[in-house]
């Protein structure tokens, strides 16, 4: 009897003392713009997730897109008056009693999209978390679509002391939102987080009426499964003394990006229904959302780039195109682009094989609609994990009268000779887990998924 009582007591103490995970519901976006409903090409782009973030005291509200390609957060500032800055909420440090200027600039380059920012230290509030952290107030924005005010960096900490950046003597704290929230004791049980959609439908945002609604899951669901197995959006920094221009740009990493393509339209206070379209999970793992195992891949060591990159050993379109993968190739998981970006030579092979037309502004390939049913699954080996992604996750066939009509895919170019980018047409297919403390990424099949050829296989 005593042993039973001891076990029950230990179980109670574990549940009482462990930090719960935060599961934040994300709701389907509504838009008054008809093209988001009627035009298939536009609706391809609505897979980004985002939420309402408050900055400063008193709080100023912003719609920020979740970006795993970088740990740098930025928002439009009041001094940003160019055409690309219009119709967005702007951060005003003069209206915040806690704003501290870091007296230097930082440029976040996503390729085709670029943000020139002044760095401030202020309080960010999201999902019940209050975090004092550095972020960029953009004084110039270029090539971003409408519908959001900036990005919240869910990547790893960005090296804000990169060569060529001029800084004041004041030290700059870490930039990553989740690890900073954990380190500051904001209520997270760990620095890990995950994202998953309920389906692979149109875009997501945190509903205005439900912005304070956060599910908490007890320690029983916060266990770490150690026994389970932009265009490319690789962001980079540039010299802030460079004069902003309106011409095309290329990131220092050699990867160009159609960042946040498709936009969101305007936020509505209501959604089509009350069912969440997805969840952001902070501080642990929502094991109830996973079917089978969570498979981990060791990430590349954090080099200050802020992104989540994993090694690539093989890549192909099954029974069709077999690519030669360069040694030390890597793939960046990015939620700020829809594109599966192939290295230059492989992208050219895809174009030739399918008589494709390259849509440069969109960074995607269009192929004759009559060939869409001949596409085969994309398969890529990340570390020891082989991932198979059927065509319907990254292509959009439609009935046409002639073979001259073109249909869109999410396949594009990474503008790198060896590296890949896996945008949200890839990540939205899975439960995606990011663990900074253990330097790894996890993928799992989502609960209630019906077999359609989507597969994860650990070859270790």
Protein backbone atom coordinates (compact mmCIF):
# COMPACT_ATOMS: atom_id res chain seq x y z
CA UNK A 1 0.00 0.00 0.00
CA UNK A 2 2.83 2.40 0.89
CA UNK A 3 4.53 1.81 -2.46
CA UNK A 4 1.29 2.54 -4.32
CA UNK A 5 0.82 5.76 -2.34
CA UNK A 6 4.42 6.77 -3.11
CA UNK A 7 3.92 6.25 -6.84
CA UNK A 8 0.70 8.27 -6.81
CA UNK A 9 2.39 11.08 -4.88
CA UNK A 10 5.36 11.15 -7.25
CA UNK A 11 3.02 11.25 -10.22
CA UNK A 12 1.09 14.15 -8.68
CA UNK A 13 4.26 16.13 -7.96
CA UNK A 14 5.53 15.61 -11.50
CA UNK A 15 2.28 16.91 -12.97
CA UNK A 16 2.13 19.82 -10.56
CA UNK A 17 5.69 21.08 -11.05
CA UNK A 18 6.29 20.54 -14.75
CA UNK A 19 5.66 23.43 -17.11
CA UNK A 20 2.74 22.89 -19.50
CA UNK A 21 3.14 23.34 -23.21
CA UNK A 22 1.36 26.21 -24.92
CA UNK A 23 -0.82 25.17 -27.86
CA UNK A 24 -1.99 28.22 -29.76
CA UNK A 25 -4.86 27.74 -32.23
CA UNK A 26 -4.50 29.28 -35.68
CA UNK A 27 -7.54 30.06 -37.77
CA UNK A 28 -8.23 30.12 -41.47
CA UNK A 29 -7.78 33.51 -43.07
CA UNK A 30 -10.69 35.33 -44.60
CA UNK A 31 -10.24 37.91 -47.29
CA UNK A 32 -12.58 40.28 -49.07
CA UNK A 33 -10.42 39.91 -52.16
CA UNK A 34 -12.20 37.55 -54.52
CA UNK A 35 -9.03 36.20 -56.12
CA UNK A 36 -8.23 34.30 -52.94
CA UNK A 37 -11.35 32.25 -53.53
CA UNK A 38 -11.71 32.03 -57.28
CA UNK A 39 -8.15 31.94 -58.59
CA UNK A 40 -6.25 28.72 -57.92
CA UNK A 41 -2.90 30.41 -58.58
CA UNK A 42 -3.51 32.87 -55.76
CA UNK A 43 -4.82 30.35 -53.27
CA UNK A 44 -1.60 28.33 -53.61
CA UNK A 45 0.16 30.93 -51.57
CA UNK A 46 -2.02 30.99 -48.50
CA UNK A 47 -0.21 28.39 -46.45
CA UNK A 48 1.78 30.73 -44.22
CA UNK A 49 0.97 30.95 -40.54
CA UNK A 50 0.99 34.08 -38.45
CA UNK A 51 -0.41 35.70 -35.35
CA UNK A 52 -1.22 38.92 -33.55
CA UNK A 53 1.88 40.11 -31.67
CA UNK A 54 1.90 43.05 -29.26
CA UNK A 55 5.01 45.22 -28.99
CA UNK A 56 5.77 47.93 -26.43
CA UNK A 57 3.99 49.57 -23.51
CA UNK A 58 1.21 50.39 -24.02
CA UNK A 59 1.00 47.52 -26.52
CA UNK A 60 0.89 48.11 -30.27
CA UNK A 61 -0.71 45.29 -32.28
CA UNK A 62 0.86 43.72 -35.37
CA UNK A 63 0.19 40.77 -37.63
CA UNK A 64 3.50 38.92 -37.96
CA UNK A 65 4.26 35.91 -40.14
CA UNK A 66 6.07 32.95 -38.57
CA UNK A 67 9.52 32.55 -40.10
CA UNK A 68 11.69 29.53 -39.29
CA UNK A 69 14.39 30.60 -41.77
CA UNK A 70 15.69 33.21 -39.33
CA UNK A 71 15.67 34.08 -35.64
CA UNK A 72 15.27 37.78 -36.41
CA UNK A 73 11.98 39.57 -35.75
CA UNK A 74 11.07 42.78 -37.52
CA UNK A 75 8.06 45.00 -38.15
CA UNK A 76 7.33 48.05 -40.26
CA UNK A 77 8.39 51.28 -38.55
CA UNK A 78 6.83 54.74 -38.76
CA UNK A 79 9.72 56.01 -40.89
CA UNK A 80 8.94 53.40 -43.57
CA UNK A 81 6.98 55.44 -46.12
CA UNK A 82 7.74 53.70 -49.42
CA UNK A 83 5.08 52.02 -51.51
CA UNK A 84 5.82 48.57 -50.08
CA UNK A 85 5.34 49.94 -46.55
CA UNK A 86 1.79 51.16 -47.12
CA UNK A 87 -1.31 49.48 -45.66
CA UNK A 88 0.64 47.97 -42.76
CA UNK A 89 0.64 48.78 -39.06
CA UNK A 90 3.80 50.66 -38.01
CA UNK A 91 5.78 50.45 -34.77
CA UNK A 92 6.31 53.83 -33.10
CA UNK A 93 9.00 53.73 -30.39
CA UNK A 94 7.91 57.18 -29.19
CA UNK A 95 4.62 55.64 -28.08
CA UNK A 96 6.31 52.94 -25.99
CA UNK A 97 7.66 53.73 -22.54
CA UNK A 98 9.93 50.65 -22.65
CA UNK A 99 11.51 51.17 -26.10
CA UNK A 100 15.31 51.35 -26.14
CA UNK A 101 17.18 52.22 -29.32
CA UNK A 102 20.28 50.06 -29.88
CA UNK A 103 21.69 52.81 -32.13
CA UNK A 104 22.51 50.63 -35.08
CA UNK A 105 20.99 49.14 -38.18
CA UNK A 106 20.47 45.61 -39.45
CA UNK A 107 19.43 44.39 -42.89
CA UNK A 108 17.55 41.14 -43.32
CA UNK A 109 17.82 39.94 -46.90
CA UNK A 110 15.48 37.19 -48.10
CA UNK A 111 16.52 37.50 -51.72
CA UNK A 112 13.72 39.24 -53.58
CA UNK A 113 12.39 40.54 -50.27
CA UNK A 114 14.58 42.72 -48.08
CA UNK A 115 14.01 44.74 -44.89
CA UNK A 116 16.28 47.59 -43.77
CA UNK A 117 15.82 48.05 -40.02
CA UNK A 118 16.80 50.04 -36.95
CA UNK A 119 17.23 47.80 -33.91
CA UNK A 120 15.17 48.41 -30.78
CA UNK A 121 14.84 46.57 -27.51
CA UNK A 122 11.26 46.34 -26.28
CA UNK A 123 8.67 43.93 -24.88
CA UNK A 124 6.94 41.48 -27.24
CA UNK A 125 3.79 39.70 -26.11
CA UNK A 126 2.44 36.66 -27.87
CA UNK A 127 0.43 33.65 -26.74
CA UNK A 128 0.56 34.70 -23.11
CA UNK A 129 4.35 35.10 -23.21
CA UNK A 130 6.06 38.40 -22.46
CA UNK A 131 9.61 38.66 -23.82
CA UNK A 132 12.04 41.57 -23.77
CA UNK A 133 14.11 41.18 -26.91
CA UNK A 134 15.72 43.00 -29.84
CA UNK A 135 13.84 43.40 -33.11
CA UNK A 136 14.00 45.48 -36.25
CA UNK A 137 11.88 48.52 -36.99
CA UNK A 138 11.91 48.68 -40.79
CA UNK A 139 12.60 52.05 -42.40
CA UNK A 140 12.60 50.48 -45.87
CA UNK A 141 10.86 47.35 -47.20
CA UNK A 142 11.07 45.90 -50.67
CA UNK A 143 9.14 43.16 -52.49
CA UNK A 144 6.93 41.94 -49.63
CA UNK A 145 3.30 41.14 -50.33
CA UNK A 146 0.49 42.76 -48.39
CA UNK A 147 -1.39 41.25 -45.48
CA UNK A 148 1.20 41.27 -42.69
CA UNK A 149 3.34 43.82 -40.87
CA UNK A 150 6.57 41.86 -40.51
CA UNK A 151 8.06 38.53 -39.44
CA UNK A 152 8.49 36.89 -36.05
CA UNK A 153 11.73 34.92 -36.08
CA UNK A 154 11.26 31.30 -35.03
CA UNK A 155 14.70 30.33 -36.25
CA UNK A 156 17.79 30.25 -34.08
CA UNK A 157 19.57 33.35 -32.82
CA UNK A 158 20.91 35.55 -35.60
CA UNK A 159 24.51 36.74 -35.33
CA UNK A 160 23.95 40.47 -34.99
CA UNK A 161 27.70 41.10 -34.96
CA UNK A 162 28.20 39.97 -38.55
CA UNK A 163 31.10 41.47 -40.44
CA UNK A 164 30.22 44.72 -42.13
CA UNK A 165 27.56 45.70 -39.62
CA UNK A 166 28.26 48.83 -37.57
CA UNK A 167 27.16 48.64 -33.96
CA UNK A 168 27.10 50.78 -30.90
CA UNK A 169 28.98 49.63 -27.82
CA UNK A 170 25.74 48.53 -26.21
CA UNK A 171 25.47 44.74 -26.16
CA UNK A 172 22.57 43.23 -28.06
CA UNK A 173 20.63 40.36 -26.43
CA UNK A 174 19.77 37.13 -28.23
CA UNK A 175 17.27 37.56 -31.07
CA UNK A 176 15.37 34.23 -31.23
CA UNK A 177 11.85 34.54 -29.81
CA UNK A 178 11.37 31.03 -28.39
CA UNK A 179 14.84 30.50 -26.81
CA UNK A 180 14.73 34.02 -25.38
CA UNK A 181 11.27 33.42 -23.91
CA UNK A 182 12.55 30.22 -22.30
CA UNK A 183 15.70 31.85 -20.92
CA UNK A 184 13.72 34.72 -19.44
CA UNK A 185 11.44 32.35 -17.54
CA UNK A 186 8.29 33.30 -19.40
CA UNK A 187 6.55 30.03 -18.53
CA UNK A 188 7.91 27.68 -21.19
CA UNK A 189 9.11 24.26 -20.08
CA UNK A 190 11.77 24.18 -22.81
CA UNK A 191 13.00 26.08 -25.85
CA UNK A 192 11.44 23.62 -28.29
CA UNK A 193 8.41 24.36 -30.42
CA UNK A 194 6.33 22.71 -33.11
CA UNK A 195 3.85 23.62 -35.83
CA UNK A 196 1.17 21.67 -37.60
CA UNK A 197 -1.90 22.32 -39.71
CA UNK A 198 -5.16 20.47 -39.44
CA UNK A 199 -5.17 20.24 -43.22
CA UNK A 200 -3.14 21.58 -46.13
CA UNK A 201 -5.67 24.24 -47.03
CA UNK A 202 -5.42 28.02 -47.51
CA UNK A 203 -3.64 30.39 -45.16
CA UNK A 204 -3.78 30.86 -41.47
CA UNK A 205 -3.81 33.62 -38.93
CA UNK A 206 -4.59 33.88 -35.26
CA UNK A 207 -8.22 34.96 -35.10
CA UNK A 208 -8.61 38.40 -33.56
CA UNK A 209 -11.49 37.35 -31.32
CA UNK A 210 -9.57 34.26 -30.19
CA UNK A 211 -6.12 35.82 -29.84
CA UNK A 212 -6.08 35.26 -26.10
CA UNK A 213 -7.27 31.67 -26.36
CA UNK A 214 -4.37 29.36 -25.59
CA UNK A 215 -4.60 25.69 -24.81
CA UNK A 216 -2.24 24.41 -22.13
CA UNK A 217 -1.33 20.76 -22.05
CA UNK A 218 -0.02 19.11 -18.90
CA UNK A 219 3.35 17.47 -18.42
CA UNK A 220 1.98 14.15 -19.67
CA UNK A 221 1.85 15.66 -23.15
CA UNK A 222 5.13 17.50 -22.73
CA UNK A 223 7.35 14.47 -22.76
CA UNK A 224 10.36 14.43 -25.05
CA UNK A 225 10.20 11.50 -27.45
CA UNK A 226 13.85 10.53 -27.14
CA UNK A 227 13.02 6.94 -27.98
CA UNK A 228 11.26 7.82 -31.22
CA UNK A 229 12.96 7.89 -34.00
CA UNK A 230 12.18 31.86 -51.34
CA UNK A 231 11.54 31.17 -53.47
CA UNK A 232 14.04 29.96 -51.02
CA UNK A 233 14.00 31.88 -47.81
CA UNK A 234 17.51 31.63 -46.44
CA UNK A 235 17.88 34.99 -44.78
CA UNK A 236 21.15 36.88 -44.56
CA UNK A 237 22.42 40.20 -43.30
CA UNK A 238 23.93 42.95 -45.42
CA UNK A 239 25.84 46.17 -44.85
CA UNK A 240 23.40 48.73 -43.41
CA UNK A 241 25.35 51.57 -44.98
CA UNK A 242 24.20 50.34 -48.37
CA UNK A 243 21.66 52.68 -49.95
CA UNK A 244 18.27 51.04 -50.41
CA UNK A 245 17.25 50.74 -54.04
CA UNK A 246 14.32 49.43 -56.00
CA UNK A 247 16.26 47.03 -58.18
CA UNK A 248 16.46 43.29 -57.79
CA UNK A 249 18.71 41.97 -55.05
CA UNK A 250 20.39 38.71 -54.16
CA UNK A 251 21.12 37.53 -50.65
CA UNK A 252 24.67 37.05 -49.47
CA UNK A 253 23.99 33.33 -49.27
CA UNK A 254 23.24 33.27 -52.97
CA UNK A 255 19.63 32.27 -52.37
CA UNK A 256 16.84 34.44 -53.71
CA UNK A 257 13.36 34.50 -52.30
CA UNK A 258 9.78 35.28 -53.12
CA UNK A 259 9.04 35.97 -49.51
CA UNK A 260 5.53 35.51 -48.20
CA UNK A 261 4.16 35.23 -51.70
CA UNK A 262 0.42 35.59 -52.08
CA UNK A 263 -0.12 37.75 -49.02
CA UNK A 264 -2.95 37.36 -46.55
CA UNK A 265 -5.40 40.12 -47.36
CA UNK A 266 -6.95 41.89 -44.38
CA UNK A 267 -7.60 40.20 -41.06
CA UNK A 268 -11.23 39.67 -40.18
CA UNK A 269 -12.68 39.53 -36.69
CA UNK A 270 -14.50 36.36 -37.67
CA UNK A 271 -13.59 33.17 -39.41
CA UNK A 272 -15.63 30.89 -41.62
CA UNK A 273 -15.88 28.47 -38.74
CA UNK A 274 -14.58 28.09 -35.22
CA UNK A 275 -12.38 25.10 -35.98
CA UNK A 276 -8.64 25.90 -35.82
CA UNK A 277 -6.78 25.35 -39.07
CA UNK A 278 -3.54 24.61 -37.24
CA UNK A 279 -1.51 25.04 -34.06
CA UNK A 280 1.73 26.54 -32.87
CA UNK A 281 3.05 24.49 -29.94
CA UNK A 282 5.52 26.20 -27.60
CA UNK A 283 7.58 24.55 -24.88
CA UNK A 284 7.11 20.90 -25.78
CA UNK A 285 5.45 18.34 -28.05
CA UNK A 286 1.75 17.86 -28.63
CA UNK A 287 1.87 14.07 -28.71
CA UNK A 288 -1.89 13.89 -29.27
CA UNK A 289 -1.35 15.46 -32.70
CA UNK A 290 1.12 12.81 -33.87
CA UNK A 291 0.46 9.50 -35.58
CA UNK A 292 3.27 7.02 -35.00
CA UNK A 293 6.81 8.20 -34.35
CA UNK A 294 8.48 11.58 -34.28
CA UNK A 295 11.61 11.20 -36.41
CA UNK A 296 14.57 13.42 -35.60
CA UNK A 297 17.26 14.81 -37.89
CA UNK A 298 20.38 16.42 -36.49
CA UNK A 299 20.61 20.03 -37.61
CA UNK A 300 23.78 21.75 -38.71
CA UNK A 301 25.57 23.52 -35.91
CA UNK A 302 24.27 27.03 -35.37
CA UNK A 303 26.65 29.39 -37.18
CA UNK A 304 24.75 32.58 -36.49
CA UNK A 305 22.69 32.45 -39.68
CA UNK A 306 19.56 31.87 -37.61
CA UNK A 307 18.12 29.17 -39.88
CA UNK A 308 17.25 25.51 -39.39
CA UNK A 309 19.39 23.53 -41.84
CA UNK A 310 19.77 19.74 -42.10
CA UNK A 311 22.10 17.59 -44.26
CA UNK A 312 20.85 16.24 -47.60
CA UNK A 313 22.23 12.95 -48.94
CA UNK A 314 19.82 12.06 -51.76
CA UNK A 315 17.09 13.78 -53.77
CA UNK A 316 14.93 12.58 -56.64
CA UNK A 317 11.53 12.40 -58.25
CA UNK A 318 10.77 8.68 -57.98
CA UNK A 319 11.09 6.71 -61.24
CA UNK A 320 11.83 9.94 -63.07
CA UNK A 321 14.62 12.39 -62.13
CA UNK A 322 17.60 11.23 -60.08
CA UNK A 323 19.79 14.07 -58.90
CA UNK A 324 23.47 14.16 -58.04
CA UNK A 325 23.68 15.62 -54.55
CA UNK A 326 26.85 17.51 -53.73
CA UNK A 327 28.84 16.71 -50.61
CA UNK A 328 27.83 18.81 -47.61
CA UNK A 329 24.55 19.82 -49.23
CA UNK A 330 21.91 21.06 -46.83
CA UNK A 331 18.22 21.95 -46.78
CA UNK A 332 16.77 24.93 -44.93
CA UNK A 333 13.25 24.47 -43.54
CA UNK A 334 11.42 27.73 -44.10
CA UNK A 335 7.85 28.70 -43.26
CA UNK A 336 8.18 32.06 -45.02
CA UNK A 337 7.98 30.60 -48.53
CA UNK A 338 5.81 27.99 -50.24
CA UNK A 339 8.62 26.90 -52.56
CA UNK A 340 10.57 23.65 -52.61
CA UNK A 341 13.77 25.17 -53.93
CA UNK A 342 16.09 22.92 -55.93
CA UNK A 343 19.77 23.69 -56.58
CA UNK A 344 20.33 25.45 -59.91
CA UNK A 345 21.34 22.45 -62.02
CA UNK A 346 18.55 20.27 -60.63
CA UNK A 347 16.00 23.02 -61.23
CA UNK A 348 17.16 23.20 -64.85
CA UNK A 349 16.71 19.43 -65.17
CA UNK A 350 13.17 19.70 -63.82
CA UNK A 351 12.39 22.50 -66.26
CA UNK A 352 13.70 20.54 -69.24
CA UNK A 353 11.98 17.29 -68.24
CA UNK A 354 8.52 18.84 -67.93
CA UNK A 355 8.67 21.56 -70.59
CA UNK A 356 8.24 23.96 -67.73
CA UNK A 357 8.02 27.74 -67.77
CA UNK A 358 9.78 29.58 -64.97
CA UNK A 359 7.73 32.28 -63.24
CA UNK A 360 10.60 34.40 -61.93
CA UNK A 361 8.62 36.79 -59.67
CA UNK A 362 6.92 33.79 -58.07
CA UNK A 363 9.99 31.52 -58.21
CA UNK A 364 7.91 28.52 -59.26
CA UNK A 365 7.66 26.37 -62.36
CA UNK A 366 4.51 25.97 -64.43
CA UNK A 367 4.14 22.84 -66.54
CA UNK A 368 1.57 21.86 -69.18
CA UNK A 369 -1.60 20.82 -67.36
CA UNK A 370 -1.91 17.68 -69.48
CA UNK A 371 1.35 16.42 -67.94
CA UNK A 372 0.39 16.93 -64.31
CA UNK A 373 -0.90 13.38 -63.86
CA UNK A 374 2.52 12.05 -64.84
CA UNK A 375 4.35 13.74 -61.97
CA UNK A 376 5.89 11.42 -59.39
CA UNK A 377 6.63 11.83 -55.69
CA UNK A 378 9.50 14.03 -54.56
CA UNK A 379 11.84 12.10 -52.27
CA UNK A 380 14.66 13.59 -50.24
CA UNK A 381 16.96 12.05 -47.63
CA UNK A 382 17.55 14.37 -44.68
CA UNK A 383 20.27 12.83 -42.55
CA UNK A 384 19.09 9.24 -42.15
CA UNK A 385 15.43 10.16 -42.68
CA UNK A 386 13.90 9.57 -46.11
CA UNK A 387 10.88 11.76 -46.81
CA UNK A 388 8.44 11.02 -49.65
CA UNK A 389 6.11 13.83 -50.71
CA UNK A 390 3.43 12.94 -53.30
CA UNK A 391 2.72 15.40 -56.14
CA UNK A 392 -0.58 16.69 -54.77
CA UNK A 393 1.34 18.39 -51.94
CA UNK A 394 3.37 20.52 -54.34
CA UNK A 395 1.36 20.72 -57.58
CA UNK A 396 -2.07 21.95 -58.58
CA UNK A 397 -3.61 20.16 -61.57
CA UNK A 398 -6.83 21.35 -63.16
CA UNK A 399 -9.02 20.29 -66.05
CA UNK A 400 -8.17 22.09 -69.27
CA UNK A 401 -9.33 21.93 -72.85
CA UNK A 402 -5.86 21.99 -74.40
CA UNK A 403 -2.33 20.99 -73.42
CA UNK A 404 -1.21 24.56 -74.01
CA UNK A 405 -2.56 25.68 -70.65
CA UNK A 406 -0.08 25.74 -67.80
CA UNK A 407 -0.54 24.56 -64.21
CA UNK A 408 1.44 25.74 -61.24
CA UNK A 409 3.78 23.79 -58.99
CA UNK A 410 5.59 24.71 -55.79
CA UNK A 411 8.90 23.58 -57.29
CA UNK A 412 11.33 26.45 -57.72
CA UNK A 413 14.99 27.42 -57.51
CA UNK A 414 17.14 27.85 -54.42
CA UNK A 415 19.67 29.85 -56.45
CA UNK A 416 22.38 27.77 -54.82
CA UNK A 417 24.61 25.28 -56.59
CA UNK A 418 24.13 22.63 -53.90
CA UNK A 419 21.59 23.59 -51.24
CA UNK A 420 17.81 23.12 -50.99
CA UNK A 421 14.97 25.04 -49.39
CA UNK A 422 11.90 23.22 -48.05
CA UNK A 423 9.05 25.71 -47.78
CA UNK A 424 5.65 25.28 -46.23
CA UNK A 425 4.35 23.16 -49.11
CA UNK A 426 6.74 20.63 -47.51
CA UNK A 427 6.52 21.49 -43.79
CA UNK A 428 2.70 21.84 -43.71
CA UNK A 429 2.43 18.17 -44.69
CA UNK A 430 3.89 17.14 -41.32
CA UNK A 431 4.00 17.89 -37.64
CA UNK A 432 7.28 19.82 -37.58
CA UNK A 433 9.29 20.05 -34.34
CA UNK A 434 12.25 22.39 -33.71
CA UNK A 435 14.57 21.85 -30.74
CA UNK A 436 17.29 24.42 -30.25
CA UNK A 437 18.75 22.91 -27.09
CA UNK A 438 19.34 19.54 -28.77
CA UNK A 439 20.14 21.01 -32.18
CA UNK A 440 17.64 18.91 -34.10
CA UNK A 441 14.46 18.96 -36.15
CA UNK A 442 11.66 16.42 -35.90
CA UNK A 443 9.02 15.36 -38.43
CA UNK A 444 5.97 13.21 -37.81
CA UNK A 445 2.84 12.14 -39.65
CA UNK A 446 -0.14 14.07 -38.29
CA UNK A 447 -2.90 12.33 -36.33
CA UNK A 448 -5.78 10.93 -38.39
CA UNK A 449 -3.77 11.16 -41.59
CA UNK A 450 -5.08 8.82 -44.27
CA UNK A 451 -2.42 7.06 -46.28
CA UNK A 452 -1.85 8.89 -49.55
CA UNK A 453 1.80 8.13 -50.24
CA UNK A 454 3.22 10.59 -47.71
CA UNK A 455 5.98 8.70 -45.91
CA UNK A 456 8.76 9.03 -43.35
CA UNK A 457 11.34 6.26 -43.15
CA UNK A 458 14.38 6.25 -40.88
CA UNK A 459 17.25 4.41 -42.58
CA UNK A 460 19.49 4.48 -39.51
